Amino acid sequence: DIANALGKTVGGYDDRSIDAVMARLRRKVHTATNENLPIRAVRSVGYVFAAPVEARARPET
């Protein structure tokens, strides 16, 4: 899904390339916010968003 969001085909990346991109992204987010990126690796699957999410109603306009 990350490769697709970047406009790339999944076949264009190997697992190590995605791991390297995620490592750079984690480092950049931590440097900018002093927080950890809420994405974790899932072995043999990929990556998953791992932060609490709260559903809220949209404000009426």
N, C-alpha and C. Protein backbone atom coordinates (compact mmCIF):
# COMPACT_ATOMS: atom_id res chain seq x y z
N ASP A 1 0.81 -1.20 0.00
CA ASP A 1 0.00 0.00 0.00
C ASP A 1 0.85 1.27 0.00
N ILE A 2 1.97 1.23 0.70
CA ILE A 2 2.85 2.40 0.72
C ILE A 2 3.41 2.66 -0.66
N ALA A 3 3.85 1.60 -1.34
CA ALA A 3 4.39 1.76 -2.69
C ALA A 3 3.31 2.32 -3.62
N ASN A 4 2.09 1.83 -3.49
CA ASN A 4 1.00 2.34 -4.32
C ASN A 4 0.73 3.81 -4.03
N ALA A 5 0.79 4.20 -2.77
CA ALA A 5 0.57 5.60 -2.41
C ALA A 5 1.66 6.50 -2.98
N LEU A 6 2.84 5.94 -3.17
CA LEU A 6 3.94 6.70 -3.76
C LEU A 6 3.90 6.69 -5.27
N GLY A 7 2.88 6.01 -5.84
CA GLY A 7 2.76 5.96 -7.29
C GLY A 7 3.69 4.96 -7.94
N LYS A 8 4.14 3.99 -7.17
CA LYS A 8 5.06 2.97 -7.68
C LYS A 8 4.36 1.61 -7.67
N THR A 9 4.80 0.74 -8.54
CA THR A 9 4.28 -0.62 -8.51
C THR A 9 5.00 -1.39 -7.41
N VAL A 10 4.31 -2.33 -6.82
CA VAL A 10 4.90 -3.11 -5.74
C VAL A 10 6.12 -3.87 -6.24
N GLY A 11 6.09 -4.34 -7.47
CA GLY A 11 7.22 -5.06 -8.03
C GLY A 11 8.46 -4.21 -8.18
N GLY A 12 8.30 -2.90 -8.12
CA GLY A 12 9.43 -2.00 -8.27
C GLY A 12 10.28 -1.87 -7.02
N TYR A 13 9.83 -2.44 -5.93
CA TYR A 13 10.55 -2.37 -4.66
C TYR A 13 10.76 -3.76 -4.11
N ASP A 14 11.90 -3.98 -3.50
CA ASP A 14 12.06 -5.22 -2.76
C ASP A 14 11.87 -4.91 -1.28
N ASP A 15 11.82 -5.94 -0.47
CA ASP A 15 11.55 -5.75 0.95
C ASP A 15 12.58 -4.83 1.62
N ARG A 16 13.83 -4.96 1.24
CA ARG A 16 14.87 -4.15 1.86
C ARG A 16 14.72 -2.68 1.48
N SER A 17 14.26 -2.40 0.27
CA SER A 17 14.06 -1.00 -0.14
C SER A 17 12.98 -0.35 0.71
N ILE A 18 11.88 -1.06 0.91
CA ILE A 18 10.79 -0.53 1.75
C ILE A 18 11.29 -0.35 3.18
N ASP A 19 12.06 -1.31 3.69
CA ASP A 19 12.61 -1.18 5.04
C ASP A 19 13.48 0.06 5.16
N ALA A 20 14.28 0.33 4.15
CA ALA A 20 15.15 1.51 4.17
C ALA A 20 14.33 2.80 4.15
N VAL A 21 13.28 2.83 3.34
CA VAL A 21 12.40 4.00 3.28
C VAL A 21 11.74 4.22 4.64
N MET A 22 11.26 3.15 5.25
CA MET A 22 10.60 3.27 6.56
C MET A 22 11.59 3.74 7.62
N ALA A 23 12.82 3.27 7.57
CA ALA A 23 13.83 3.71 8.54
C ALA A 23 14.09 5.21 8.40
N ARG A 24 14.20 5.69 7.16
CA ARG A 24 14.41 7.13 6.94
C ARG A 24 13.20 7.92 7.41
N LEU A 25 12.01 7.43 7.12
CA LEU A 25 10.79 8.12 7.54
C LEU A 25 10.70 8.18 9.06
N ARG A 26 10.99 7.07 9.73
CA ARG A 26 10.97 7.06 11.20
C ARG A 26 11.95 8.09 11.76
N ARG A 27 13.15 8.13 11.19
CA ARG A 27 14.18 9.06 11.65
C ARG A 27 13.74 10.51 11.45
N LYS A 28 13.16 10.82 10.29
CA LYS A 28 12.71 12.18 10.00
C LYS A 28 11.58 12.61 10.93
N VAL A 29 10.62 11.71 11.15
CA VAL A 29 9.50 12.04 12.04
C VAL A 29 10.02 12.26 13.46
N HIS A 30 10.92 11.40 13.92
CA HIS A 30 11.44 11.55 15.28
C HIS A 30 12.24 12.84 15.43
N THR A 31 13.03 13.18 14.44
CA THR A 31 13.81 14.42 14.48
C THR A 31 12.90 15.64 14.52
N ALA A 32 11.83 15.62 13.73
CA ALA A 32 10.94 16.78 13.63
C ALA A 32 9.99 16.91 14.82
N THR A 33 9.58 15.78 15.40
CA THR A 33 8.53 15.84 16.43
C THR A 33 8.95 15.29 17.78
N ASN A 34 10.10 14.63 17.85
CA ASN A 34 10.55 13.93 19.05
C ASN A 34 9.55 12.85 19.47
N GLU A 35 8.80 12.35 18.51
CA GLU A 35 7.84 11.26 18.72
C GLU A 35 8.20 10.11 17.79
N ASN A 36 7.78 8.91 18.15
CA ASN A 36 7.99 7.77 17.28
C ASN A 36 6.88 7.68 16.25
N LEU A 37 7.22 7.21 15.07
CA LEU A 37 6.25 7.01 14.00
C LEU A 37 5.31 5.88 14.41
N PRO A 38 3.99 6.08 14.36
CA PRO A 38 3.06 5.05 14.82
C PRO A 38 2.80 3.97 13.75
N ILE A 39 3.88 3.46 13.19
CA ILE A 39 3.78 2.38 12.21
C ILE A 39 4.74 1.30 12.67
N ARG A 40 4.26 0.06 12.69
CA ARG A 40 5.14 -1.03 13.11
C ARG A 40 5.21 -2.09 12.02
N ALA A 41 6.31 -2.80 12.02
CA ALA A 41 6.52 -3.87 11.05
C ALA A 41 5.80 -5.13 11.54
N VAL A 42 5.17 -5.83 10.60
CA VAL A 42 4.53 -7.11 10.89
C VAL A 42 5.24 -8.15 10.03
N ARG A 43 5.89 -9.07 10.66
CA ARG A 43 6.69 -10.07 9.95
C ARG A 43 5.87 -10.81 8.90
N SER A 44 6.42 -10.93 7.73
CA SER A 44 5.82 -11.63 6.59
C SER A 44 4.56 -10.97 6.06
N VAL A 45 4.26 -9.76 6.53
CA VAL A 45 3.07 -9.05 6.07
C VAL A 45 3.43 -7.69 5.51
N GLY A 46 4.06 -6.86 6.33
CA GLY A 46 4.40 -5.50 5.90
C GLY A 46 4.37 -4.57 7.09
N TYR A 47 3.68 -3.45 6.94
CA TYR A 47 3.62 -2.44 7.99
C TYR A 47 2.16 -2.15 8.32
N VAL A 48 1.93 -1.75 9.57
CA VAL A 48 0.58 -1.44 10.02
C VAL A 48 0.62 -0.18 10.88
N PHE A 49 -0.42 0.65 10.74
CA PHE A 49 -0.58 1.84 11.57
C PHE A 49 -0.91 1.35 12.97
N ALA A 50 -0.19 1.84 13.97
CA ALA A 50 -0.31 1.28 15.32
C ALA A 50 -0.55 2.34 16.38
N ALA A 51 -1.41 3.29 16.11
CA ALA A 51 -1.73 4.32 17.10
C ALA A 51 -3.23 4.27 17.38
N PRO A 52 -3.62 4.66 18.57
CA PRO A 52 -5.05 4.72 18.86
C PRO A 52 -5.75 5.70 17.92
N VAL A 53 -6.93 5.33 17.50
CA VAL A 53 -7.71 6.19 16.60
C VAL A 53 -9.06 6.43 17.25
N GLU A 54 -9.48 7.67 17.23
CA GLU A 54 -10.77 8.04 17.80
C GLU A 54 -11.68 8.52 16.68
N ALA A 55 -12.83 7.87 16.54
CA ALA A 55 -13.80 8.30 15.54
C ALA A 55 -14.61 9.46 16.10
N ARG A 56 -14.72 10.52 15.31
CA ARG A 56 -15.50 11.68 15.73
C ARG A 56 -16.44 12.07 14.61
N ALA A 57 -17.58 12.60 14.98
CA ALA A 57 -18.53 13.07 13.99
C ALA A 57 -18.00 14.33 13.33
N ARG A 58 -18.30 14.49 12.08
CA ARG A 58 -17.91 15.72 11.38
C ARG A 58 -18.76 16.88 11.88
N PRO A 59 -18.15 18.04 12.03
CA PRO A 59 -18.96 19.20 12.44
C PRO A 59 -19.94 19.58 11.34
N GLU A 60 -21.12 19.95 11.74
CA GLU A 60 -22.12 20.36 10.76
C GLU A 60 -21.79 21.75 10.24
N THR A 61 -22.03 21.94 8.95
CA THR A 61 -21.76 23.25 8.36
C THR A 61 -23.02 23.97 8.00
